Amino acid sequence: MSVRILANIPSPAQGVWHLGPLPLRGYALSILAGIVLAIIWSRRRYAARGGDPELILDVAIAAIPFGIIGGRLYHVLTDHEKYFGPGRNPWQALNITAGGLGIWGAVALGTLAGWVVVRRRKVPAAPVLDAVAPTIIAAQAIGRLGNWFNQELHGAETTLPWGLEIYERVDALGRLAPVTGHSTGQVLAVVHPTFLYELIWNLLVAAVLVWADRRFRLGGGRVFALYVAGYTLGRFWIELMRTDPATEVLGGLRINTVTSTVVFAAALLALYLLRGRRRESAAFVRGRSHDAGADRPLQPAPPPEQAMPEVGDRAGERPGAAGGDRAEAPEAPA
C-alpha cells in the first residue's frame, strides 16, 4: 500500500491578535517590517554611493504616508464597486485596516513625494532611486506575507504539495470572518499560494538588481527602471493565476494584468533611453557638482593616426630637433 504525503502550507489560525484594546494585524505588521528593512538597507546603499544617508529618512517620512494614500486610491478606483453603489458603504473606502492597497499607486505617489523632498534638498534624484530600488522590492516581498495572514489573493485549487490551505474562520458569535476571525480547523480549499510565488519572484529580482548594479555600475536611474521591469514581468504571469474577484477590462482581462503590461513597456523604454548611464561620482550624488562623472558612457580613445602631436613635434620630428637639424643616433659601441 502506497501512502501519499502532502506538505500543504497551512494558513495562520488568525490574522489579528489583540493586545488589550489594541489590534495587531498580521497584514500591517508585514508591511511595517518591509518598510523598516527598506529604510535600513537604503541608507547603506545610498551612503555607499556617496550620498548622505539621513536623506533617506527624510524621503521615507514623506514617501510612506503618501505611498499608503496612493495605494489605497488605486485600490478604490479599480475596485470602486466594493464601496460605491446600492447597498455599499462609501466610508469603507477609508478603512485601510480591512486590506486593499495597490502597489501601483503606492510606488507612484510615494516616489513623487520622495522626489519633491530630494528636489528641495537640491540633490539629484537618480542616485536615490537607484539606491532604493532593490530595497523596495524586498519590502514588497515581506509585505506579501500580509496576504497569507488574510487568506487572500490566492490562485485556483491545486493538488501540488505546496498548496495553501484556506481555513474557515469565524468571529466570537460564530459568523464567518475570513480576515478577522479565528480558524475552526476546517479546510475549505487547497489553492495556489500566489502570494508566495510573488514573494519568491520579488526576492529573485532584488538579487538580480544588486548583482547588475555591482557588475555594471549602473547609474542614472537604470537600477530603478530595471526594478520596475522585473517586478511587472513577474506580476503579469502571477496575476494570470489569481482567482480572487477583480475589475476586468478589455473583454475580460484583469486590470492589474493590463497595468503590468503598460508599466513593463514603459520600463523597457526607460532602460533604452537611459542606456550607457554609469554610476555617478560622490560629488554629483551629494549635489556638489554639475558633472556626473561616471554617469556618462566612456568615450573610446582616438585611433593613433588621429592623435594630436606633442608640443614641439613638427612633421614627425622628435622634440628638441630645431629647423632642419635632426638628432643623430648615438654611435654603436666599439
C-alpha atoms as a PDB file:
ATOM      1  CA  MET A   1       0.000   0.000   0.000  1.00  0.00           C
ATOM      2  CA  SER A   2       1.404   3.396  -1.018  1.00  0.00           C
ATOM      3  CA  VAL A   3       0.938   6.414   1.171  1.00  0.00           C
ATOM      4  CA  ARG A   4       0.872   9.887  -0.364  1.00  0.00           C
ATOM      5  CA  ILE A   5       2.088  12.585   1.967  1.00  0.00           C
ATOM      6  CA  LEU A   6       1.121  16.155   1.102  1.00  0.00           C
ATOM      7  CA  ALA A   7       3.168  19.011   2.564  1.00  0.00           C
ATOM      8  CA  ASN A   8       0.492  21.638   2.194  1.00  0.00           C
ATOM      9  CA  ILE A   9       1.173  25.119   3.549  1.00  0.00           C
ATOM     10  CA  PRO A  10      -1.194  25.958   6.409  1.00  0.00           C
ATOM     11  CA  SER A  11      -2.700  29.404   6.758  1.00  0.00           C
ATOM     12  CA  PRO A  12      -2.382  31.137  10.131  1.00  0.00           C
ATOM     13  CA  ALA A  13      -5.197  30.333  12.527  1.00  0.00           C
ATOM     14  CA  GLN A  14      -5.924  34.060  12.691  1.00  0.00           C
ATOM     15  CA  GLY A  15      -4.752  37.281  11.127  1.00  0.00           C
ATOM     16  CA  VAL A  16      -5.463  39.634  14.028  1.00  0.00           C
ATOM     17  CA  TRP A  17      -4.303  39.482  17.639  1.00  0.00           C
ATOM     18  CA  HIS A  18      -5.427  41.804  20.415  1.00  0.00           C
ATOM     19  CA  LEU A  19      -3.063  43.397  22.900  1.00  0.00           C
ATOM     20  CA  GLY A  20      -5.714  44.681  25.243  1.00  0.00           C
ATOM     21  CA  PRO A  21      -7.842  47.052  23.142  1.00  0.00           C
ATOM     22  CA  LEU A  22      -5.094  47.329  20.503  1.00  0.00           C
ATOM     23  CA  PRO A  23      -5.490  45.034  17.465  1.00  0.00           C
ATOM     24  CA  LEU A  24      -2.249  43.703  15.985  1.00  0.00           C
ATOM     25  CA  ARG A  25      -2.870  42.841  12.356  1.00  0.00           C
ATOM     26  CA  GLY A  26      -0.576  40.479  10.506  1.00  0.00           C
ATOM     27  CA  TYR A  27      -1.125  42.496   7.320  1.00  0.00           C
ATOM     28  CA  ALA A  28       0.044  45.740   8.929  1.00  0.00           C
ATOM     29  CA  LEU A  29       2.964  44.091  10.726  1.00  0.00           C
ATOM     30  CA  SER A  30       4.200  42.590   7.448  1.00  0.00           C
ATOM     31  CA  ILE A  31       4.139  45.957   5.716  1.00  0.00           C
ATOM     32  CA  LEU A  32       5.840  47.614   8.678  1.00  0.00           C
ATOM     33  CA  ALA A  33       8.623  45.001   8.711  1.00  0.00           C
ATOM     34  CA  GLY A  34       9.203  45.593   4.990  1.00  0.00           C
ATOM     35  CA  ILE A  35       9.389  49.357   5.499  1.00  0.00           C
ATOM     36  CA  VAL A  36      11.947  49.037   8.314  1.00  0.00           C
ATOM     37  CA  LEU A  37      14.125  46.762   6.183  1.00  0.00           C
ATOM     38  CA  ALA A  38      13.889  49.115   3.206  1.00  0.00           C
ATOM     39  CA  ILE A  39      14.948  52.164   5.255  1.00  0.00           C
ATOM     40  CA  ILE A  40      17.934  50.445   6.875  1.00  0.00           C
ATOM     41  CA  TRP A  41      19.144  48.928   3.604  1.00  0.00           C
ATOM     42  CA  SER A  42      18.522  52.100   1.586  1.00  0.00           C
ATOM     43  CA  ARG A  43      20.630  54.154   3.980  1.00  0.00           C
ATOM     44  CA  ARG A  44      23.562  51.788   3.487  1.00  0.00           C
ATOM     45  CA  ARG A  45      23.200  51.686  -0.292  1.00  0.00           C
ATOM     46  CA  TYR A  46      22.883  55.452  -0.643  1.00  0.00           C
ATOM     47  CA  ALA A  47      25.874  56.051   1.638  1.00  0.00           C
ATOM     48  CA  ALA A  48      27.904  53.610  -0.485  1.00  0.00           C
ATOM     49  CA  ARG A  49      27.101  55.796  -3.491  1.00  0.00           C
ATOM     50  CA  GLY A  50      28.460  58.840  -1.670  1.00  0.00           C
ATOM     51  CA  GLY A  51      25.156  60.287  -0.504  1.00  0.00           C
ATOM     52  CA  ASP A  52      24.019  61.468   2.923  1.00  0.00           C
ATOM     53  CA  PRO A  53      22.100  58.544   4.499  1.00  0.00           C
ATOM     54  CA  GLU A  54      19.999  60.979   6.552  1.00  0.00           C
ATOM     55  CA  LEU A  55      18.300  61.990   3.314  1.00  0.00           C
ATOM     56  CA  ILE A  56      16.733  58.536   3.148  1.00  0.00           C
ATOM     57  CA  LEU A  57      14.910  59.200   6.424  1.00  0.00           C
ATOM     58  CA  ASP A  58      13.544  62.477   5.072  1.00  0.00           C
ATOM     59  CA  VAL A  59      12.403  60.728   1.904  1.00  0.00           C
ATOM     60  CA  ALA A  60      10.777  57.926   3.905  1.00  0.00           C
ATOM     61  CA  ILE A  61       8.861  60.348   6.115  1.00  0.00           C
ATOM     62  CA  ALA A  62       7.212  61.776   3.008  1.00  0.00           C
ATOM     63  CA  ALA A  63       7.044  58.671   0.814  1.00  0.00           C
ATOM     64  CA  ILE A  64       5.470  56.258   3.322  1.00  0.00           C
ATOM     65  CA  PRO A  65       2.235  58.152   4.107  1.00  0.00           C
ATOM     66  CA  PHE A  66       1.790  59.247   0.511  1.00  0.00           C
ATOM     67  CA  GLY A  67       2.522  55.705  -0.609  1.00  0.00           C
ATOM     68  CA  ILE A  68      -0.265  54.400   1.622  1.00  0.00           C
ATOM     69  CA  ILE A  69      -2.618  57.041   0.269  1.00  0.00           C
ATOM     70  CA  GLY A  70      -1.642  56.247  -3.318  1.00  0.00           C
ATOM     71  CA  GLY A  71      -2.030  52.526  -2.760  1.00  0.00           C
ATOM     72  CA  ARG A  72      -5.490  52.993  -1.293  1.00  0.00           C
ATOM     73  CA  LEU A  73      -6.538  55.350  -4.078  1.00  0.00           C
ATOM     74  CA  TYR A  74      -5.532  52.835  -6.743  1.00  0.00           C
ATOM     75  CA  HIS A  75      -7.432  50.072  -4.943  1.00  0.00           C
ATOM     76  CA  VAL A  76     -10.582  52.143  -4.514  1.00  0.00           C
ATOM     77  CA  LEU A  77     -10.530  53.386  -8.113  1.00  0.00           C
ATOM     78  CA  THR A  78     -10.018  49.932  -9.608  1.00  0.00           C
ATOM     79  CA  ASP A  79     -12.438  48.174  -7.200  1.00  0.00           C
ATOM     80  CA  HIS A  80     -14.931  51.003  -6.785  1.00  0.00           C
ATOM     81  CA  GLU A  81     -17.929  48.648  -6.918  1.00  0.00           C
ATOM     82  CA  LYS A  82     -16.963  47.404  -3.439  1.00  0.00           C
ATOM     83  CA  TYR A  83     -17.540  50.833  -1.914  1.00  0.00           C
ATOM     84  CA  PHE A  84     -19.980  52.739  -4.112  1.00  0.00           C
ATOM     85  CA  GLY A  85     -23.428  51.830  -5.375  1.00  0.00           C
ATOM     86  CA  PRO A  86     -26.609  50.297  -3.964  1.00  0.00           C
ATOM     87  CA  GLY A  87     -26.067  48.653  -0.599  1.00  0.00           C
ATOM     88  CA  ARG A  88     -22.459  49.815  -0.296  1.00  0.00           C
ATOM     89  CA  ASN A  89     -20.895  51.964   2.416  1.00  0.00           C
ATOM     90  CA  PRO A  90     -18.644  54.658   0.849  1.00  0.00           C
ATOM     91  CA  TRP A  91     -16.956  55.284   4.204  1.00  0.00           C
ATOM     92  CA  GLN A  92     -15.378  51.837   3.941  1.00  0.00           C
ATOM     93  CA  ALA A  93     -13.162  53.269   1.218  1.00  0.00           C
ATOM     94  CA  LEU A  94     -11.198  54.908   4.053  1.00  0.00           C
ATOM     95  CA  ASN A  95     -10.880  51.705   6.082  1.00  0.00           C
ATOM     96  CA  ILE A  96      -7.372  50.561   5.168  1.00  0.00           C
ATOM     97  CA  THR A  97      -7.286  48.178   8.140  1.00  0.00           C
ATOM     98  CA  ALA A  98      -9.540  45.819   6.148  1.00  0.00           C
ATOM     99  CA  GLY A  99      -6.861  45.444   3.475  1.00  0.00           C
ATOM    100  CA  GLY A 100      -6.708  46.792  -0.036  1.00  0.00           C
ATOM    101  CA  LEU A 101      -3.540  48.611  -1.113  1.00  0.00           C
ATOM    102  CA  GLY A 102      -2.492  48.722  -4.769  1.00  0.00           C
ATOM    103  CA  ILE A 103       1.277  48.634  -5.199  1.00  0.00           C
ATOM    104  CA  TRP A 104       0.999  50.669  -8.386  1.00  0.00           C
ATOM    105  CA  GLY A 105      -0.472  53.676  -6.611  1.00  0.00           C
ATOM    106  CA  ALA A 106       1.808  53.224  -3.614  1.00  0.00           C
ATOM    107  CA  VAL A 107       5.017  53.313  -5.663  1.00  0.00           C
ATOM    108  CA  ALA A 108       3.771  56.125  -7.934  1.00  0.00           C
ATOM    109  CA  LEU A 109       2.639  58.560  -5.240  1.00  0.00           C
ATOM    110  CA  GLY A 110       5.386  57.555  -2.816  1.00  0.00           C
ATOM    111  CA  THR A 111       8.039  58.155  -5.471  1.00  0.00           C
ATOM    112  CA  LEU A 112       6.528  61.533  -6.317  1.00  0.00           C
ATOM    113  CA  ALA A 113       6.595  62.589  -2.661  1.00  0.00           C
ATOM    114  CA  GLY A 114      10.190  61.433  -2.328  1.00  0.00           C
ATOM    115  CA  TRP A 115      11.145  63.312  -5.484  1.00  0.00           C
ATOM    116  CA  VAL A 116       9.773  66.543  -4.008  1.00  0.00           C
ATOM    117  CA  VAL A 117      11.935  66.076  -0.906  1.00  0.00           C
ATOM    118  CA  VAL A 118      15.021  65.346  -2.995  1.00  0.00           C
ATOM    119  CA  ARG A 119      14.445  68.424  -5.164  1.00  0.00           C
ATOM    120  CA  ARG A 120      14.085  70.619  -2.094  1.00  0.00           C
ATOM    121  CA  ARG A 121      17.406  69.299  -0.822  1.00  0.00           C
ATOM    122  CA  LYS A 122      18.920  70.134  -4.240  1.00  0.00           C
ATOM    123  CA  VAL A 123      20.457  66.741  -4.869  1.00  0.00           C
ATOM    124  CA  PRO A 124      19.946  64.559  -7.974  1.00  0.00           C
ATOM    125  CA  ALA A 125      17.078  62.087  -7.775  1.00  0.00           C
ATOM    126  CA  ALA A 126      18.538  59.298  -9.931  1.00  0.00           C
ATOM    127  CA  PRO A 127      21.099  58.076  -7.349  1.00  0.00           C
ATOM    128  CA  VAL A 128      18.363  57.962  -4.709  1.00  0.00           C
ATOM    129  CA  LEU A 129      16.096  55.920  -6.988  1.00  0.00           C
ATOM    130  CA  ASP A 130      18.907  53.519  -7.832  1.00  0.00           C
ATOM    131  CA  ALA A 131      19.803  53.111  -4.158  1.00  0.00           C
ATOM    132  CA  VAL A 132      16.270  52.281  -3.020  1.00  0.00           C
ATOM    133  CA  ALA A 133      15.182  50.091  -5.954  1.00  0.00           C
ATOM    134  CA  PRO A 134      16.229  46.677  -4.578  1.00  0.00           C
ATOM    135  CA  THR A 135      15.079  47.609  -1.087  1.00  0.00           C
ATOM    136  CA  ILE A 136      11.588  48.466  -2.306  1.00  0.00           C
ATOM    137  CA  ILE A 137      11.007  45.130  -3.995  1.00  0.00           C
ATOM    138  CA  ALA A 138      12.459  43.304  -0.980  1.00  0.00           C
ATOM    139  CA  ALA A 139       9.950  45.204   1.174  1.00  0.00           C
ATOM    140  CA  GLN A 140       7.190  44.167  -1.230  1.00  0.00           C
ATOM    141  CA  ALA A 141       8.242  40.545  -0.751  1.00  0.00           C
ATOM    142  CA  ILE A 142       7.889  40.820   3.029  1.00  0.00           C
ATOM    143  CA  GLY A 143       4.627  42.707   2.658  1.00  0.00           C
ATOM    144  CA  ARG A 144       3.158  39.780   0.713  1.00  0.00           C
ATOM    145  CA  LEU A 145       3.100  37.821   3.955  1.00  0.00           C
ATOM    146  CA  GLY A 146       0.151  40.029   4.861  1.00  0.00           C
ATOM    147  CA  ASN A 147      -1.910  38.233   2.209  1.00  0.00           C
ATOM    148  CA  TRP A 148      -1.039  34.952   3.930  1.00  0.00           C
ATOM    149  CA  PHE A 149      -2.410  36.240   7.233  1.00  0.00           C
ATOM    150  CA  ASN A 150      -5.552  37.487   5.492  1.00  0.00           C
ATOM    151  CA  GLN A 151      -6.049  34.327   3.368  1.00  0.00           C
ATOM    152  CA  GLU A 152      -6.423  36.442   0.257  1.00  0.00           C
ATOM    153  CA  LEU A 153      -5.125  36.927  -3.285  1.00  0.00           C
ATOM    154  CA  HIS A 154      -4.610  33.241  -3.942  1.00  0.00           C
ATOM    155  CA  GLY A 155      -4.976  31.113  -7.055  1.00  0.00           C
ATOM    156  CA  ALA A 156      -7.142  28.207  -8.108  1.00  0.00           C
ATOM    157  CA  GLU A 157      -7.358  24.898  -6.272  1.00  0.00           C
ATOM    158  CA  THR A 158      -4.386  22.592  -6.696  1.00  0.00           C
ATOM    159  CA  THR A 159      -3.114  19.149  -5.706  1.00  0.00           C
ATOM    160  CA  LEU A 160       0.521  20.275  -5.651  1.00  0.00           C
ATOM    161  CA  PRO A 161       2.304  19.517  -2.379  1.00  0.00           C
ATOM    162  CA  TRP A 162       2.900  23.210  -1.680  1.00  0.00           C
ATOM    163  CA  GLY A 163      -0.767  24.116  -1.972  1.00  0.00           C
ATOM    164  CA  LEU A 164      -2.097  26.638   0.560  1.00  0.00           C
ATOM    165  CA  GLU A 165      -4.809  25.518   2.981  1.00  0.00           C
ATOM    166  CA  ILE A 166      -7.631  28.034   3.357  1.00  0.00           C
ATOM    167  CA  TYR A 167      -9.397  27.689   6.699  1.00  0.00           C
ATOM    168  CA  GLU A 168     -12.888  28.562   7.739  1.00  0.00           C
ATOM    169  CA  ARG A 169     -12.694  31.480  10.171  1.00  0.00           C
ATOM    170  CA  VAL A 170     -15.464  32.728  12.432  1.00  0.00           C
ATOM    171  CA  ASP A 171     -15.844  35.560  14.911  1.00  0.00           C
ATOM    172  CA  ALA A 172     -16.876  35.285  18.569  1.00  0.00           C
ATOM    173  CA  LEU A 173     -20.539  34.961  17.531  1.00  0.00           C
ATOM    174  CA  GLY A 174     -19.839  32.125  15.097  1.00  0.00           C
ATOM    175  CA  ARG A 175     -20.262  34.279  11.993  1.00  0.00           C
ATOM    176  CA  LEU A 176     -17.909  33.848   9.050  1.00  0.00           C
ATOM    177  CA  ALA A 177     -14.987  36.279   9.291  1.00  0.00           C
ATOM    178  CA  PRO A 178     -12.245  35.269   6.784  1.00  0.00           C
ATOM    179  CA  VAL A 179      -9.835  38.064   7.816  1.00  0.00           C
ATOM    180  CA  THR A 180     -10.527  38.942  11.437  1.00  0.00           C
ATOM    181  CA  GLY A 181     -11.915  35.648  12.730  1.00  0.00           C
ATOM    182  CA  HIS A 182     -10.405  32.516  14.295  1.00  0.00           C
ATOM    183  CA  SER A 183      -9.961  29.239  12.450  1.00  0.00           C
ATOM    184  CA  THR A 184     -12.397  26.415  13.146  1.00  0.00           C
ATOM    185  CA  GLY A 185      -9.848  23.925  11.823  1.00  0.00           C
ATOM    186  CA  GLN A 186     -11.955  23.117   8.775  1.00  0.00           C
ATOM    187  CA  VAL A 187     -10.057  23.345   5.476  1.00  0.00           C
ATOM    188  CA  LEU A 188     -12.228  24.951   2.824  1.00  0.00           C
ATOM    189  CA  ALA A 189      -9.814  24.561  -0.086  1.00  0.00           C
ATOM    190  CA  VAL A 190      -6.189  23.944  -1.054  1.00  0.00           C
ATOM    191  CA  VAL A 191      -5.068  26.611  -3.541  1.00  0.00           C
ATOM    192  CA  HIS A 192      -2.038  28.011  -5.356  1.00  0.00           C
ATOM    193  CA  PRO A 193      -0.177  30.325  -2.926  1.00  0.00           C
ATOM    194  CA  THR A 194       0.269  33.137  -5.416  1.00  0.00           C
ATOM    195  CA  PHE A 195       1.433  35.393  -2.586  1.00  0.00           C
ATOM    196  CA  LEU A 196       4.363  33.007  -2.129  1.00  0.00           C
ATOM    197  CA  TYR A 197       5.116  32.945  -5.854  1.00  0.00           C
ATOM    198  CA  GLU A 198       5.305  36.721  -5.891  1.00  0.00           C
ATOM    199  CA  LEU A 199       7.361  36.792  -2.690  1.00  0.00           C
ATOM    200  CA  ILE A 200       9.968  34.457  -4.209  1.00  0.00           C
ATOM    201  CA  TRP A 201       9.950  36.335  -7.515  1.00  0.00           C
ATOM    202  CA  ASN A 202      10.488  39.666  -5.760  1.00  0.00           C
ATOM    203  CA  LEU A 203      13.465  38.332  -3.813  1.00  0.00           C
ATOM    204  CA  LEU A 204      14.987  36.994  -7.044  1.00  0.00           C
ATOM    205  CA  VAL A 205      14.535  40.387  -8.719  1.00  0.00           C
ATOM    206  CA  ALA A 206      16.160  42.106  -5.714  1.00  0.00           C
ATOM    207  CA  ALA A 207      19.159  39.771  -6.036  1.00  0.00           C
ATOM    208  CA  VAL A 208      19.433  40.480  -9.775  1.00  0.00           C
ATOM    209  CA  LEU A 209      19.306  44.226  -9.147  1.00  0.00           C
ATOM    210  CA  VAL A 210      22.118  44.061  -6.598  1.00  0.00           C
ATOM    211  CA  TRP A 211      24.228  41.895  -8.914  1.00  0.00           C
ATOM    212  CA  ALA A 212      23.646  44.055 -12.006  1.00  0.00           C
ATOM    213  CA  ASP A 213      24.306  47.264 -10.065  1.00  0.00           C
ATOM    214  CA  ARG A 214      27.661  45.967  -8.825  1.00  0.00           C
ATOM    215  CA  ARG A 215      28.669  44.227 -12.048  1.00  0.00           C
ATOM    216  CA  PHE A 216      27.866  47.069 -14.454  1.00  0.00           C
ATOM    217  CA  ARG A 217      27.977  50.033 -12.042  1.00  0.00           C
ATOM    218  CA  LEU A 218      24.582  51.234 -13.170  1.00  0.00           C
ATOM    219  CA  GLY A 219      23.502  54.827 -12.716  1.00  0.00           C
ATOM    220  CA  GLY A 220      21.150  57.478 -13.990  1.00  0.00           C
ATOM    221  CA  GLY A 221      18.027  55.664 -12.767  1.00  0.00           C
ATOM    222  CA  ARG A 222      18.755  52.409 -14.584  1.00  0.00           C
ATOM    223  CA  VAL A 223      18.518  50.268 -11.433  1.00  0.00           C
ATOM    224  CA  PHE A 224      15.061  51.683 -10.682  1.00  0.00           C
ATOM    225  CA  ALA A 225      13.898  51.129 -14.261  1.00  0.00           C
ATOM    226  CA  LEU A 226      15.188  47.558 -14.099  1.00  0.00           C
ATOM    227  CA  TYR A 227      13.259  47.069 -10.845  1.00  0.00           C
ATOM    228  CA  VAL A 228      10.029  48.215 -12.456  1.00  0.00           C
ATOM    229  CA  ALA A 229      10.587  45.965 -15.482  1.00  0.00           C
ATOM    230  CA  GLY A 230      11.442  42.946 -13.330  1.00  0.00           C
ATOM    231  CA  TYR A 231       8.521  43.370 -10.972  1.00  0.00           C
ATOM    232  CA  THR A 232       5.914  43.898 -13.678  1.00  0.00           C
ATOM    233  CA  LEU A 233       7.178  40.901 -15.643  1.00  0.00           C
ATOM    234  CA  GLY A 234       6.555  38.650 -12.662  1.00  0.00           C
ATOM    235  CA  ARG A 235       3.300  40.329 -11.688  1.00  0.00           C
ATOM    236  CA  PHE A 236       1.946  39.691 -15.191  1.00  0.00           C
ATOM    237  CA  TRP A 237       2.143  35.898 -15.030  1.00  0.00           C
ATOM    238  CA  ILE A 238       1.244  35.711 -11.355  1.00  0.00           C
ATOM    239  CA  GLU A 239      -1.833  37.843 -11.974  1.00  0.00           C
ATOM    240  CA  LEU A 240      -2.997  35.304 -14.557  1.00  0.00           C
ATOM    241  CA  MET A 241      -3.037  32.637 -11.826  1.00  0.00           C
ATOM    242  CA  ARG A 242      -5.145  34.563  -9.331  1.00  0.00           C
ATOM    243  CA  THR A 243      -8.832  33.757  -8.953  1.00  0.00           C
ATOM    244  CA  ASP A 244      -9.950  36.420  -6.479  1.00  0.00           C
ATOM    245  CA  PRO A 245     -12.560  38.877  -7.780  1.00  0.00           C
ATOM    246  CA  ALA A 246     -11.043  41.795  -9.696  1.00  0.00           C
ATOM    247  CA  THR A 247     -12.104  44.559 -12.044  1.00  0.00           C
ATOM    248  CA  GLU A 248     -11.917  43.366 -15.636  1.00  0.00           C
ATOM    249  CA  VAL A 249     -11.313  45.451 -18.757  1.00  0.00           C
ATOM    250  CA  LEU A 250     -10.799  44.883 -22.475  1.00  0.00           C
ATOM    251  CA  GLY A 251     -13.084  41.910 -22.700  1.00  0.00           C
ATOM    252  CA  GLY A 252     -12.232  40.063 -19.503  1.00  0.00           C
ATOM    253  CA  LEU A 253      -8.623  40.957 -18.668  1.00  0.00           C
ATOM    254  CA  ARG A 254      -7.842  41.699 -15.028  1.00  0.00           C
ATOM    255  CA  ILE A 255      -7.000  45.367 -14.534  1.00  0.00           C
ATOM    256  CA  ASN A 256      -3.651  44.515 -12.935  1.00  0.00           C
ATOM    257  CA  THR A 257      -2.696  42.400 -15.932  1.00  0.00           C
ATOM    258  CA  VAL A 258      -3.206  45.394 -18.210  1.00  0.00           C
ATOM    259  CA  THR A 259      -1.395  47.705 -15.780  1.00  0.00           C
ATOM    260  CA  SER A 260       1.562  45.304 -15.626  1.00  0.00           C
ATOM    261  CA  THR A 261       1.820  45.248 -19.408  1.00  0.00           C
ATOM    262  CA  VAL A 262       1.717  49.027 -19.795  1.00  0.00           C
ATOM    263  CA  VAL A 263       4.182  49.716 -16.983  1.00  0.00           C
ATOM    264  CA  PHE A 264       6.537  46.979 -18.225  1.00  0.00           C
ATOM    265  CA  ALA A 265       6.621  48.590 -21.677  1.00  0.00           C
ATOM    266  CA  ALA A 266       7.318  51.986 -20.101  1.00  0.00           C
ATOM    267  CA  ALA A 267      10.163  50.499 -18.049  1.00  0.00           C
ATOM    268  CA  LEU A 268      11.744  48.949 -21.142  1.00  0.00           C
ATOM    269  CA  LEU A 269      11.551  52.321 -22.904  1.00  0.00           C
ATOM    270  CA  ALA A 270      13.219  53.982 -19.906  1.00  0.00           C
ATOM    271  CA  LEU A 271      16.006  51.393 -19.940  1.00  0.00           C
ATOM    272  CA  TYR A 272      16.590  52.114 -23.618  1.00  0.00           C
ATOM    273  CA  LEU A 273      16.642  55.883 -23.147  1.00  0.00           C
ATOM    274  CA  LEU A 274      18.988  55.586 -20.148  1.00  0.00           C
ATOM    275  CA  ARG A 275      21.354  53.121 -21.824  1.00  0.00           C
ATOM    276  CA  GLY A 276      25.016  53.733 -21.099  1.00  0.00           C
ATOM    277  CA  ARG A 277      24.456  55.652 -17.848  1.00  0.00           C
ATOM    278  CA  ARG A 278      27.123  54.717 -15.318  1.00  0.00           C
ATOM    279  CA  ARG A 279      27.499  55.151 -11.562  1.00  0.00           C
ATOM    280  CA  GLU A 280      27.662  58.819 -10.585  1.00  0.00           C
ATOM    281  CA  SER A 281      30.555  60.379  -8.720  1.00  0.00           C
ATOM    282  CA  ALA A 282      30.158  61.007  -4.987  1.00  0.00           C
ATOM    283  CA  ALA A 283      30.330  64.769  -5.532  1.00  0.00           C
ATOM    284  CA  PHE A 284      27.468  64.597  -8.001  1.00  0.00           C
ATOM    285  CA  VAL A 285      25.381  62.396  -5.688  1.00  0.00           C
ATOM    286  CA  ARG A 286      25.677  64.996  -2.929  1.00  0.00           C
ATOM    287  CA  GLY A 287      24.730  67.791  -5.311  1.00  0.00           C
ATOM    288  CA  ARG A 288      28.148  69.444  -5.195  1.00  0.00           C
ATOM    289  CA  SER A 289      28.990  69.059  -8.863  1.00  0.00           C
ATOM    290  CA  HIS A 290      27.140  69.531 -12.126  1.00  0.00           C
ATOM    291  CA  ASP A 291      29.302  66.880 -13.745  1.00  0.00           C
ATOM    292  CA  ALA A 292      28.005  63.403 -13.114  1.00  0.00           C
ATOM    293  CA  GLY A 293      31.452  61.975 -13.690  1.00  0.00           C
ATOM    294  CA  ALA A 294      30.926  58.324 -14.392  1.00  0.00           C
ATOM    295  CA  ASP A 295      27.258  58.670 -15.261  1.00  0.00           C
ATOM    296  CA  ARG A 296      28.058  59.062 -18.938  1.00  0.00           C
ATOM    297  CA  PRO A 297      29.446  56.274 -21.109  1.00  0.00           C
ATOM    298  CA  LEU A 298      33.189  56.307 -21.535  1.00  0.00           C
ATOM    299  CA  GLN A 299      34.359  57.698 -24.860  1.00  0.00           C
ATOM    300  CA  PRO A 300      36.663  55.419 -26.855  1.00  0.00           C
ATOM    301  CA  ALA A 301      40.258  56.601 -27.306  1.00  0.00           C
ATOM    302  CA  PRO A 302      41.012  58.133 -30.740  1.00  0.00           C
ATOM    303  CA  PRO A 303      42.913  55.916 -33.157  1.00  0.00           C
ATOM    304  CA  PRO A 304      46.710  56.503 -33.272  1.00  0.00           C
ATOM    305  CA  GLU A 305      46.600  58.257 -36.622  1.00  0.00           C
ATOM    306  CA  GLN A 306      44.212  60.869 -35.216  1.00  0.00           C
ATOM    307  CA  ALA A 307      46.214  61.556 -32.071  1.00  0.00           C
ATOM    308  CA  MET A 308      47.493  65.128 -31.752  1.00  0.00           C
ATOM    309  CA  PRO A 309      51.302  65.522 -31.961  1.00  0.00           C
ATOM    310  CA  GLU A 310      53.095  66.546 -28.820  1.00  0.00           C
ATOM    311  CA  VAL A 311      54.205  70.124 -28.342  1.00  0.00           C
ATOM    312  CA  GLY A 312      57.431  70.642 -30.234  1.00  0.00           C
ATOM    313  CA  ASP A 313      56.720  67.945 -32.831  1.00  0.00           C
ATOM    314  CA  ARG A 314      56.894  69.048 -36.450  1.00  0.00           C
ATOM    315  CA  ALA A 315      56.301  66.721 -39.321  1.00  0.00           C
ATOM    316  CA  GLY A 316      57.087  63.755 -37.143  1.00  0.00           C
ATOM    317  CA  GLU A 317      60.319  65.193 -35.667  1.00  0.00           C
ATOM    318  CA  ARG A 318      61.175  64.479 -32.079  1.00  0.00           C
ATOM    319  CA  PRO A 319      61.012  67.330 -29.577  1.00  0.00           C
ATOM    320  CA  GLY A 320      64.271  69.216 -29.446  1.00  0.00           C
ATOM    321  CA  ALA A 321      65.057  68.968 -33.152  1.00  0.00           C
ATOM    322  CA  ALA A 322      65.244  72.566 -34.441  1.00  0.00           C
ATOM    323  CA  GLY A 323      64.978  73.709 -38.073  1.00  0.00           C
ATOM    324  CA  GLY A 324      66.340  71.036 -40.375  1.00  0.00           C
ATOM    325  CA  ASP A 325      68.671  69.640 -37.783  1.00  0.00           C
ATOM    326  CA  ARG A 326      67.993  66.070 -36.841  1.00  0.00           C
ATOM    327  CA  ALA A 327      69.164  64.368 -33.753  1.00  0.00           C
ATOM    328  CA  GLU A 328      71.849  61.948 -34.627  1.00  0.00           C
ATOM    329  CA  ALA A 329      71.695  58.432 -33.375  1.00  0.00           C
ATOM    330  CA  PRO A 330      74.371  57.590 -30.872  1.00  0.00           C
ATOM    331  CA  GLU A 331      77.287  55.625 -32.231  1.00  0.00           C
ATOM    332  CA  ALA A 332      77.330  51.963 -31.562  1.00  0.00           C
ATOM    333  CA  PRO A 333      79.895  50.952 -29.012  1.00  0.00           C
ATOM    334  CA  ALA A 334      83.113  49.568 -30.468  1.00  0.00           C
END
